[in-house]
């Protein structure tokens, strides 16, 4: 069973404690991955590529040989693991517990 308590609080896959950056142990960057699709979360067992593919983000061809229509970012959820933004939704409360917009 995976330990949720080691996942940092907040919106990112890291936190800053006493001036030191502490990376989530589940986050990594895939070597040889495509730019902006090379983030990976071992807690989810998914990377940017997996999440984007499931959301229909990736372009390609239909079975009849016609190209898939373009999809705007507003229509789908695009993974931002590559930018160390959480996709797991664990401990999403702000790390300072006083977030205001």
PDB file of N, CA and C in Angstrom:
ATOM      1  N   UNK A   1       0.836  -1.173   0.000  1.00  0.00           N
ATOM      2  CA  UNK A   1       0.000   0.000   0.000  1.00  0.00           C
ATOM      3  C   UNK A   1       0.891   1.250   0.000  1.00  0.00           C
ATOM      4  N   UNK A   2       0.508   2.234  -0.780  1.00  0.00           N
ATOM      5  CA  UNK A   2       1.304   3.448  -0.917  1.00  0.00           C
ATOM      6  C   UNK A   2       1.004   4.416   0.229  1.00  0.00           C
ATOM      7  N   UNK A   3       2.053   5.083   0.681  1.00  0.00           N
ATOM      8  CA  UNK A   3       1.972   5.987   1.819  1.00  0.00           C
ATOM      9  C   UNK A   3       1.635   7.405   1.361  1.00  0.00           C
ATOM     10  N   UNK A   4       0.418   7.864   1.610  1.00  0.00           N
ATOM     11  CA  UNK A   4      -0.020   9.206   1.220  1.00  0.00           C
ATOM     12  C   UNK A   4       0.611  10.284   2.088  1.00  0.00           C
ATOM     13  N   UNK A   5       1.082   9.915   3.271  1.00  0.00           N
ATOM     14  CA  UNK A   5       1.604  10.926   4.194  1.00  0.00           C
ATOM     15  C   UNK A   5       2.911  11.553   3.703  1.00  0.00           C
ATOM     16  N   UNK A   6       3.600  10.915   2.780  1.00  0.00           N
ATOM     17  CA  UNK A   6       4.856  11.464   2.275  1.00  0.00           C
ATOM     18  C   UNK A   6       4.640  12.421   1.105  1.00  0.00           C
ATOM     19  N   UNK A   7       3.406  12.536   0.643  1.00  0.00           N
ATOM     20  CA  UNK A   7       3.090  13.445  -0.461  1.00  0.00           C
ATOM     21  C   UNK A   7       2.972  14.854   0.119  1.00  0.00           C
ATOM     22  N   UNK A   8       3.722  15.818  -0.426  1.00  0.00           N
ATOM     23  CA  UNK A   8       3.700  17.175   0.127  1.00  0.00           C
ATOM     24  C   UNK A   8       2.325  17.820   0.042  1.00  0.00           C
ATOM     25  N   UNK A   9       2.066  18.745   0.949  1.00  0.00           N
ATOM     26  CA  UNK A   9       0.843  19.533   0.896  1.00  0.00           C
ATOM     27  C   UNK A   9       0.978  20.571  -0.217  1.00  0.00           C
ATOM     28  N   UNK A  10      -0.153  20.952  -0.762  1.00  0.00           N
ATOM     29  CA  UNK A  10      -0.148  22.001  -1.769  1.00  0.00           C
ATOM     30  C   UNK A  10      -0.407  21.467  -3.157  1.00  0.00           C
ATOM     31  N   UNK A  11      -0.153  22.322  -4.119  1.00  0.00           N
ATOM     32  CA  UNK A  11      -0.504  22.037  -5.505  1.00  0.00           C
ATOM     33  C   UNK A  11       0.642  21.430  -6.318  1.00  0.00           C
ATOM     34  N   UNK A  12       1.823  21.332  -5.694  1.00  0.00           N
ATOM     35  CA  UNK A  12       3.007  20.876  -6.424  1.00  0.00           C
ATOM     36  C   UNK A  12       3.566  19.576  -5.858  1.00  0.00           C
ATOM     37  N   UNK A  13       4.412  18.942  -6.641  1.00  0.00           N
ATOM     38  CA  UNK A  13       5.031  17.662  -6.266  1.00  0.00           C
ATOM     39  C   UNK A  13       6.285  17.878  -5.430  1.00  0.00           C
ATOM     40  N   UNK A  14       6.348  18.991  -4.741  1.00  0.00           N
ATOM     41  CA  UNK A  14       7.457  19.294  -3.849  1.00  0.00           C
ATOM     42  C   UNK A  14       6.970  20.315  -2.816  1.00  0.00           C
ATOM     43  N   UNK A  15       7.733  20.483  -1.782  1.00  0.00           N
ATOM     44  CA  UNK A  15       7.473  21.541  -0.814  1.00  0.00           C
ATOM     45  C   UNK A  15       8.820  22.149  -0.439  1.00  0.00           C
ATOM     46  N   UNK A  16       8.775  23.290   0.196  1.00  0.00           N
ATOM     47  CA  UNK A  16      10.002  23.936   0.663  1.00  0.00           C
ATOM     48  C   UNK A  16       9.921  23.975   2.182  1.00  0.00           C
ATOM     49  N   UNK A  17      10.867  23.295   2.812  1.00  0.00           N
ATOM     50  CA  UNK A  17      10.903  23.197   4.271  1.00  0.00           C
ATOM     51  C   UNK A  17      12.229  23.780   4.742  1.00  0.00           C
ATOM     52  N   UNK A  18      12.148  24.827   5.550  1.00  0.00           N
ATOM     53  CA  UNK A  18      13.347  25.513   6.061  1.00  0.00           C
ATOM     54  C   UNK A  18      14.295  25.889   4.923  1.00  0.00           C
ATOM     55  N   UNK A  19      13.739  26.371   3.830  1.00  0.00           N
ATOM     56  CA  UNK A  19      14.545  26.814   2.697  1.00  0.00           C
ATOM     57  C   UNK A  19      15.044  25.696   1.797  1.00  0.00           C
ATOM     58  N   UNK A  20      14.745  24.454   2.148  1.00  0.00           N
ATOM     59  CA  UNK A  20      15.184  23.306   1.356  1.00  0.00           C
ATOM     60  C   UNK A  20      14.015  22.738   0.563  1.00  0.00           C
ATOM     61  N   UNK A  21      14.242  22.476  -0.691  1.00  0.00           N
ATOM     62  CA  UNK A  21      13.217  21.883  -1.549  1.00  0.00           C
ATOM     63  C   UNK A  21      13.157  20.378  -1.291  1.00  0.00           C
ATOM     64  N   UNK A  22      11.956  19.874  -0.974  1.00  0.00           N
ATOM     65  CA  UNK A  22      11.759  18.452  -0.698  1.00  0.00           C
ATOM     66  C   UNK A  22      10.817  17.891  -1.766  1.00  0.00           C
ATOM     67  N   UNK A  23      11.351  17.013  -2.595  1.00  0.00           N
ATOM     68  CA  UNK A  23      10.613  16.435  -3.714  1.00  0.00           C
ATOM     69  C   UNK A  23       9.718  15.298  -3.236  1.00  0.00           C
ATOM     70  N   UNK A  24       8.533  15.190  -3.806  1.00  0.00           N
ATOM     71  CA  UNK A  24       7.673  14.040  -3.530  1.00  0.00           C
ATOM     72  C   UNK A  24       8.400  12.779  -3.990  1.00  0.00           C
ATOM     73  N   UNK A  25       8.444  11.748  -3.162  1.00  0.00           N
ATOM     74  CA  UNK A  25       9.163  10.533  -3.557  1.00  0.00           C
ATOM     75  C   UNK A  25       8.510   9.794  -4.722  1.00  0.00           C
ATOM     76  N   UNK A  26       7.272  10.128  -5.045  1.00  0.00           N
ATOM     77  CA  UNK A  26       6.577   9.462  -6.139  1.00  0.00           C
ATOM     78  C   UNK A  26       6.787  10.142  -7.489  1.00  0.00           C
ATOM     79  N   UNK A  27       7.321  11.382  -7.491  1.00  0.00           N
ATOM     80  CA  UNK A  27       7.484  12.125  -8.742  1.00  0.00           C
ATOM     81  C   UNK A  27       8.847  11.835  -9.362  1.00  0.00           C
ATOM     82  N   UNK A  28       8.870  11.737 -10.674  1.00  0.00           N
ATOM     83  CA  UNK A  28      10.140  11.605 -11.391  1.00  0.00           C
ATOM     84  C   UNK A  28       9.967  12.121 -12.817  1.00  0.00           C
ATOM     85  N   UNK A  29      11.081  12.253 -13.482  1.00  0.00           N
ATOM     86  CA  UNK A  29      11.079  12.671 -14.882  1.00  0.00           C
ATOM     87  C   UNK A  29      11.556  11.481 -15.710  1.00  0.00           C
ATOM     88  N   UNK A  30      10.802  11.141 -16.744  1.00  0.00           N
ATOM     89  CA  UNK A  30      11.155  10.015 -17.596  1.00  0.00           C
ATOM     90  C   UNK A  30      12.304  10.402 -18.511  1.00  0.00           C
ATOM     91  N   UNK A  31      13.363   9.640 -18.468  1.00  0.00           N
ATOM     92  CA  UNK A  31      14.500   9.904 -19.353  1.00  0.00           C
ATOM     93  C   UNK A  31      14.086   9.602 -20.794  1.00  0.00           C
ATOM     94  N   UNK A  32      14.404  10.516 -21.674  1.00  0.00           N
ATOM     95  CA  UNK A  32      14.063  10.330 -23.081  1.00  0.00           C
ATOM     96  C   UNK A  32      12.612  10.654 -23.404  1.00  0.00           C
ATOM     97  N   UNK A  33      11.869  11.173 -22.418  1.00  0.00           N
ATOM     98  CA  UNK A  33      10.477  11.536 -22.664  1.00  0.00           C
ATOM     99  C   UNK A  33      10.384  12.810 -23.476  1.00  0.00           C
ATOM    100  N   UNK A  34       9.242  13.019 -24.079  1.00  0.00           N
ATOM    101  CA  UNK A  34       9.012  14.226 -24.859  1.00  0.00           C
ATOM    102  C   UNK A  34       8.906  15.434 -23.945  1.00  0.00           C
ATOM    103  N   UNK A  35       9.347  16.583 -24.424  1.00  0.00           N
ATOM    104  CA  UNK A  35       9.245  17.820 -23.662  1.00  0.00           C
ATOM    105  C   UNK A  35       7.787  18.064 -23.293  1.00  0.00           C
ATOM    106  N   UNK A  36       7.529  18.382 -22.066  1.00  0.00           N
ATOM    107  CA  UNK A  36       6.210  18.621 -21.501  1.00  0.00           C
ATOM    108  C   UNK A  36       5.339  17.363 -21.476  1.00  0.00           C
ATOM    109  N   UNK A  37       5.965  16.208 -21.605  1.00  0.00           N
ATOM    110  CA  UNK A  37       5.266  14.934 -21.419  1.00  0.00           C
ATOM    111  C   UNK A  37       6.190  13.921 -20.758  1.00  0.00           C
ATOM    112  N   UNK A  38       7.135  14.417 -19.947  1.00  0.00           N
ATOM    113  CA  UNK A  38       8.103  13.509 -19.345  1.00  0.00           C
ATOM    114  C   UNK A  38       7.989  13.398 -17.828  1.00  0.00           C
ATOM    115  N   UNK A  39       6.901  13.948 -17.254  1.00  0.00           N
ATOM    116  CA  UNK A  39       6.669  13.793 -15.822  1.00  0.00           C
ATOM    117  C   UNK A  39       6.014  12.447 -15.539  1.00  0.00           C
ATOM    118  N   UNK A  40       6.319  11.871 -14.381  1.00  0.00           N
ATOM    119  CA  UNK A  40       5.754  10.572 -14.013  1.00  0.00           C
ATOM    120  C   UNK A  40       5.458  10.545 -12.512  1.00  0.00           C
ATOM    121  N   UNK A  41       4.307   9.973 -12.154  1.00  0.00           N
ATOM    122  CA  UNK A  41       3.912   9.811 -10.758  1.00  0.00           C
ATOM    123  C   UNK A  41       3.768   8.318 -10.469  1.00  0.00           C
ATOM    124  N   UNK A  42       4.664   7.776  -9.644  1.00  0.00           N
ATOM    125  CA  UNK A  42       4.573   6.345  -9.333  1.00  0.00           C
ATOM    126  C   UNK A  42       3.435   6.057  -8.355  1.00  0.00           C
ATOM    127  N   UNK A  43       2.931   7.082  -7.657  1.00  0.00           N
ATOM    128  CA  UNK A  43       1.751   6.895  -6.817  1.00  0.00           C
ATOM    129  C   UNK A  43       0.553   6.562  -7.708  1.00  0.00           C
ATOM    130  N   UNK A  44       0.401   7.301  -8.805  1.00  0.00           N
ATOM    131  CA  UNK A  44      -0.681   7.050  -9.766  1.00  0.00           C
ATOM    132  C   UNK A  44      -0.334   5.957 -10.769  1.00  0.00           C
ATOM    133  N   UNK A  45       0.964   5.686 -10.891  1.00  0.00           N
ATOM    134  CA  UNK A  45       1.473   4.791 -11.930  1.00  0.00           C
ATOM    135  C   UNK A  45       1.081   5.296 -13.311  1.00  0.00           C
ATOM    136  N   UNK A  46       1.202   6.631 -13.471  1.00  0.00           N
ATOM    137  CA  UNK A  46       0.893   7.285 -14.737  1.00  0.00           C
ATOM    138  C   UNK A  46       1.837   8.454 -14.955  1.00  0.00           C
ATOM    139  N   UNK A  47       2.041   8.745 -16.219  1.00  0.00           N
ATOM    140  CA  UNK A  47       2.822   9.912 -16.586  1.00  0.00           C
ATOM    141  C   UNK A  47       1.977  10.866 -17.408  1.00  0.00           C
ATOM    142  N   UNK A  48       2.594  11.969 -17.815  1.00  0.00           N
ATOM    143  CA  UNK A  48       1.888  12.940 -18.649  1.00  0.00           C
ATOM    144  C   UNK A  48       1.288  12.266 -19.888  1.00  0.00           C
ATOM    145  N   UNK A  49       2.084  11.428 -20.525  1.00  0.00           N
ATOM    146  CA  UNK A  49       1.637  10.752 -21.749  1.00  0.00           C
ATOM    147  C   UNK A  49       0.362   9.953 -21.490  1.00  0.00           C
ATOM    148  N   UNK A  50       0.348   9.180 -20.412  1.00  0.00           N
ATOM    149  CA  UNK A  50      -0.819   8.341 -20.081  1.00  0.00           C
ATOM    150  C   UNK A  50      -2.059   9.197 -19.831  1.00  0.00           C
ATOM    151  N   UNK A  51      -1.888  10.250 -19.045  1.00  0.00           N
ATOM    152  CA  UNK A  51      -3.023  11.105 -18.682  1.00  0.00           C
ATOM    153  C   UNK A  51      -3.548  11.846 -19.906  1.00  0.00           C
ATOM    154  N   UNK A  52      -2.635  12.389 -20.719  1.00  0.00           N
ATOM    155  CA  UNK A  52      -3.048  13.109 -21.922  1.00  0.00           C
ATOM    156  C   UNK A  52      -3.729  12.183 -22.925  1.00  0.00           C
ATOM    157  N   UNK A  53      -3.223  10.964 -23.058  1.00  0.00           N
ATOM    158  CA  UNK A  53      -3.812  10.009 -23.993  1.00  0.00           C
ATOM    159  C   UNK A  53      -5.243   9.660 -23.570  1.00  0.00           C
ATOM    160  N   UNK A  54      -5.453   9.432 -22.277  1.00  0.00           N
ATOM    161  CA  UNK A  54      -6.788   9.100 -21.782  1.00  0.00           C
ATOM    162  C   UNK A  54      -7.759  10.263 -21.971  1.00  0.00           C
ATOM    163  N   UNK A  55      -7.239  11.494 -21.910  1.00  0.00           N
ATOM    164  CA  UNK A  55      -8.089  12.674 -22.055  1.00  0.00           C
ATOM    165  C   UNK A  55      -8.359  13.000 -23.521  1.00  0.00           C
ATOM    166  N   UNK A  56      -7.740  12.274 -24.443  1.00  0.00           N
ATOM    167  CA  UNK A  56      -7.918  12.578 -25.853  1.00  0.00           C
ATOM    168  C   UNK A  56      -7.044  13.720 -26.316  1.00  0.00           C
ATOM    169  N   UNK A  57      -6.037  14.056 -25.522  1.00  0.00           N
ATOM    170  CA  UNK A  57      -5.158  15.177 -25.852  1.00  0.00           C
ATOM    171  C   UNK A  57      -4.278  14.863 -27.045  1.00  0.00           C
ATOM    172  N   UNK A  58      -3.854  13.631 -27.142  1.00  0.00           N
ATOM    173  CA  UNK A  58      -2.907  13.278 -28.184  1.00  0.00           C
ATOM    174  C   UNK A  58      -3.594  13.241 -29.545  1.00  0.00           C
ATOM    175  N   UNK A  59      -2.882  13.702 -30.530  1.00  0.00           N
ATOM    176  CA  UNK A  59      -3.444  13.709 -31.879  1.00  0.00           C
ATOM    177  C   UNK A  59      -3.101  12.402 -32.571  1.00  0.00           C
ATOM    178  N   UNK A  60      -3.794  12.114 -33.606  1.00  0.00           N
ATOM    179  CA  UNK A  60      -3.548  10.878 -34.339  1.00  0.00           C
ATOM    180  C   UNK A  60      -4.541  10.719 -35.467  1.00  0.00           C
ATOM    181  N   UNK A  61      -4.820   9.483 -35.773  1.00  0.00           N
ATOM    182  CA  UNK A  61      -5.654   9.158 -36.922  1.00  0.00           C
ATOM    183  C   UNK A  61      -6.806   8.267 -36.510  1.00  0.00           C
ATOM    184  N   UNK A  62      -7.930   8.461 -37.140  1.00  0.00           N
ATOM    185  CA  UNK A  62      -9.087   7.597 -36.913  1.00  0.00           C
ATOM    186  C   UNK A  62      -8.867   6.280 -37.647  1.00  0.00           C
ATOM    187  N   UNK A  63      -9.674   5.292 -37.301  1.00  0.00           N
ATOM    188  CA  UNK A  63      -9.539   3.990 -37.953  1.00  0.00           C
ATOM    189  C   UNK A  63      -9.846   4.069 -39.450  1.00  0.00           C
ATOM    190  N   UNK A  64     -10.600   5.107 -39.880  1.00  0.00           N
ATOM    191  CA  UNK A  64     -10.896   5.242 -41.309  1.00  0.00           C
ATOM    192  C   UNK A  64      -9.801   6.001 -42.063  1.00  0.00           C
ATOM    193  N   UNK A  65      -8.689   6.332 -41.371  1.00  0.00           N
ATOM    194  CA  UNK A  65      -7.565   6.991 -42.019  1.00  0.00           C
ATOM    195  C   UNK A  65      -7.621   8.505 -41.995  1.00  0.00           C
ATOM    196  N   UNK A  66      -8.710   9.080 -41.489  1.00  0.00           N
ATOM    197  CA  UNK A  66      -8.820  10.541 -41.413  1.00  0.00           C
ATOM    198  C   UNK A  66      -8.171  11.033 -40.120  1.00  0.00           C
ATOM    199  N   UNK A  67      -7.572  12.245 -40.153  1.00  0.00           N
ATOM    200  CA  UNK A  67      -6.946  12.764 -38.929  1.00  0.00           C
ATOM    201  C   UNK A  67      -7.995  13.104 -37.882  1.00  0.00           C
ATOM    202  N   UNK A  68      -7.603  12.955 -36.625  1.00  0.00           N
ATOM    203  CA  UNK A  68      -8.477  13.371 -35.531  1.00  0.00           C
ATOM    204  C   UNK A  68      -8.596  14.883 -35.545  1.00  0.00           C
ATOM    205  N   UNK A  69      -9.763  15.427 -35.191  1.00  0.00           N
ATOM    206  CA  UNK A  69      -9.898  16.888 -35.157  1.00  0.00           C
ATOM    207  C   UNK A  69      -9.050  17.474 -34.034  1.00  0.00           C
ATOM    208  N   UNK A  70      -8.593  18.718 -34.204  1.00  0.00           N
ATOM    209  CA  UNK A  70      -7.813  19.347 -33.126  1.00  0.00           C
ATOM    210  C   UNK A  70      -8.675  19.538 -31.884  1.00  0.00           C
ATOM    211  N   UNK A  71      -8.030  19.485 -30.732  1.00  0.00           N
ATOM    212  CA  UNK A  71      -8.714  19.635 -29.456  1.00  0.00           C
ATOM    213  C   UNK A  71      -8.079  20.807 -28.729  1.00  0.00           C
ATOM    214  N   UNK A  72      -8.898  21.691 -28.202  1.00  0.00           N
ATOM    215  CA  UNK A  72      -8.342  22.832 -27.468  1.00  0.00           C
ATOM    216  C   UNK A  72      -8.096  22.441 -26.013  1.00  0.00           C
ATOM    217  N   UNK A  73      -7.179  23.151 -25.375  1.00  0.00           N
ATOM    218  CA  UNK A  73      -6.851  22.875 -23.974  1.00  0.00           C
ATOM    219  C   UNK A  73      -8.054  23.115 -23.070  1.00  0.00           C
ATOM    220  N   UNK A  74      -9.003  23.954 -23.497  1.00  0.00           N
ATOM    221  CA  UNK A  74     -10.192  24.223 -22.685  1.00  0.00           C
ATOM    222  C   UNK A  74     -11.161  23.049 -22.678  1.00  0.00           C
ATOM    223  N   UNK A  75     -11.054  22.189 -23.677  1.00  0.00           N
ATOM    224  CA  UNK A  75     -11.976  21.056 -23.786  1.00  0.00           C
ATOM    225  C   UNK A  75     -11.504  19.834 -23.010  1.00  0.00           C
ATOM    226  N   UNK A  76     -10.261  19.796 -22.660  1.00  0.00           N
ATOM    227  CA  UNK A  76      -9.709  18.605 -22.025  1.00  0.00           C
ATOM    228  C   UNK A  76      -8.847  18.980 -20.827  1.00  0.00           C
ATOM    229  N   UNK A  77      -8.467  17.976 -20.074  1.00  0.00           N
ATOM    230  CA  UNK A  77      -7.533  18.154 -18.967  1.00  0.00           C
ATOM    231  C   UNK A  77      -6.157  17.749 -19.471  1.00  0.00           C
ATOM    232  N   UNK A  78      -5.220  18.653 -19.431  1.00  0.00           N
ATOM    233  CA  UNK A  78      -3.853  18.358 -19.860  1.00  0.00           C
ATOM    234  C   UNK A  78      -2.986  18.148 -18.625  1.00  0.00           C
ATOM    235  N   UNK A  79      -2.225  17.084 -18.608  1.00  0.00           N
ATOM    236  CA  UNK A  79      -1.366  16.779 -17.465  1.00  0.00           C
ATOM    237  C   UNK A  79      -0.214  17.772 -17.368  1.00  0.00           C
ATOM    238  N   UNK A  80       0.071  18.187 -16.151  1.00  0.00           N
ATOM    239  CA  UNK A  80       1.186  19.095 -15.897  1.00  0.00           C
ATOM    240  C   UNK A  80       2.208  18.475 -14.949  1.00  0.00           C
ATOM    241  N   UNK A  81       2.274  17.144 -14.938  1.00  0.00           N
ATOM    242  CA  UNK A  81       3.286  16.491 -14.115  1.00  0.00           C
ATOM    243  C   UNK A  81       4.689  16.950 -14.497  1.00  0.00           C
ATOM    244  N   UNK A  82       4.918  17.171 -15.781  1.00  0.00           N
ATOM    245  CA  UNK A  82       6.231  17.610 -16.258  1.00  0.00           C
ATOM    246  C   UNK A  82       6.660  18.906 -15.564  1.00  0.00           C
ATOM    247  N   UNK A  83       5.673  19.725 -15.163  1.00  0.00           N
ATOM    248  CA  UNK A  83       5.950  20.997 -14.506  1.00  0.00           C
ATOM    249  C   UNK A  83       5.830  20.867 -12.982  1.00  0.00           C
ATOM    250  N   UNK A  84       5.796  19.623 -12.507  1.00  0.00           N
ATOM    251  CA  UNK A  84       5.714  19.276 -11.090  1.00  0.00           C
ATOM    252  C   UNK A  84       4.421  19.748 -10.432  1.00  0.00           C
ATOM    253  N   UNK A  85       3.352  19.840 -11.222  1.00  0.00           N
ATOM    254  CA  UNK A  85       2.019  20.117 -10.682  1.00  0.00           C
ATOM    255  C   UNK A  85       1.357  18.787 -10.372  1.00  0.00           C
ATOM    256  N   UNK A  86       0.739  18.695  -9.221  1.00  0.00           N
ATOM    257  CA  UNK A  86       0.118  17.438  -8.799  1.00  0.00           C
ATOM    258  C   UNK A  86      -1.025  17.012  -9.708  1.00  0.00           C
ATOM    259  N   UNK A  87      -1.128  15.726  -9.915  1.00  0.00           N
ATOM    260  CA  UNK A  87      -2.258  15.111 -10.595  1.00  0.00           C
ATOM    261  C   UNK A  87      -2.969  14.136  -9.667  1.00  0.00           C
ATOM    262  N   UNK A  88      -2.381  13.851  -8.495  1.00  0.00           N
ATOM    263  CA  UNK A  88      -2.913  12.843  -7.583  1.00  0.00           C
ATOM    264  C   UNK A  88      -4.047  13.365  -6.700  1.00  0.00           C
ATOM    265  N   UNK A  89      -4.158  14.673  -6.524  1.00  0.00           N
ATOM    266  CA  UNK A  89      -5.177  15.272  -5.655  1.00  0.00           C
ATOM    267  C   UNK A  89      -5.059  14.848  -4.191  1.00  0.00           C
ATOM    268  N   UNK A  90      -3.874  14.453  -3.752  1.00  0.00           N
ATOM    269  CA  UNK A  90      -3.634  14.077  -2.357  1.00  0.00           C
ATOM    270  C   UNK A  90      -2.991  15.265  -1.643  1.00  0.00           C
ATOM    271  N   UNK A  91      -3.463  15.568  -0.439  1.00  0.00           N
ATOM    272  CA  UNK A  91      -2.929  16.665   0.369  1.00  0.00           C
ATOM    273  C   UNK A  91      -2.943  17.991  -0.398  1.00  0.00           C
ATOM    274  N   UNK A  92      -4.041  18.269  -1.049  1.00  0.00           N
ATOM    275  CA  UNK A  92      -4.120  19.466  -1.886  1.00  0.00           C
ATOM    276  C   UNK A  92      -4.304  20.754  -1.098  1.00  0.00           C
ATOM    277  N   UNK A  93      -4.553  20.667   0.209  1.00  0.00           N
ATOM    278  CA  UNK A  93      -4.647  21.901   0.980  1.00  0.00           C
ATOM    279  C   UNK A  93      -3.334  22.648   0.856  1.00  0.00           C
ATOM    280  N   UNK A  94      -3.407  23.955   0.912  1.00  0.00           N
ATOM    281  CA  UNK A  94      -2.203  24.772   0.747  1.00  0.00           C
ATOM    282  C   UNK A  94      -1.208  24.465   1.835  1.00  0.00           C
ATOM    283  N   UNK A  95       0.045  24.455   1.457  1.00  0.00           N
ATOM    284  CA  UNK A  95       1.086  24.091   2.413  1.00  0.00           C
ATOM    285  C   UNK A  95       1.146  25.085   3.572  1.00  0.00           C
ATOM    286  N   UNK A  96       0.706  26.324   3.362  1.00  0.00           N
ATOM    287  CA  UNK A  96       0.668  27.312   4.443  1.00  0.00           C
ATOM    288  C   UNK A  96      -0.668  27.334   5.171  1.00  0.00           C
ATOM    289  N   UNK A  97      -1.648  26.600   4.643  1.00  0.00           N
ATOM    290  CA  UNK A  97      -3.001  26.531   5.206  1.00  0.00           C
ATOM    291  C   UNK A  97      -3.683  27.896   5.315  1.00  0.00           C
ATOM    292  N   UNK A  98      -3.218  28.863   4.548  1.00  0.00           N
ATOM    293  CA  UNK A  98      -3.874  30.172   4.557  1.00  0.00           C
ATOM    294  C   UNK A  98      -3.889  30.777   3.145  1.00  0.00           C
ATOM    295  N   UNK A  99      -4.123  29.938   2.180  1.00  0.00           N
ATOM    296  CA  UNK A  99      -4.143  30.379   0.783  1.00  0.00           C
ATOM    297  C   UNK A  99      -5.304  31.326   0.531  1.00  0.00           C
ATOM    298  N   UNK A 100      -4.997  32.444  -0.082  1.00  0.00           N
ATOM    299  CA  UNK A 100      -6.054  33.369  -0.504  1.00  0.00           C
ATOM    300  C   UNK A 100      -5.784  33.748  -1.940  1.00  0.00           C
ATOM    301  N   UNK A 101      -6.836  33.960  -2.693  1.00  0.00           N
ATOM    302  CA  UNK A 101      -6.648  34.310  -4.101  1.00  0.00           C
ATOM    303  C   UNK A 101      -6.780  35.789  -4.313  1.00  0.00           C
TER     304      UNK A 101
END
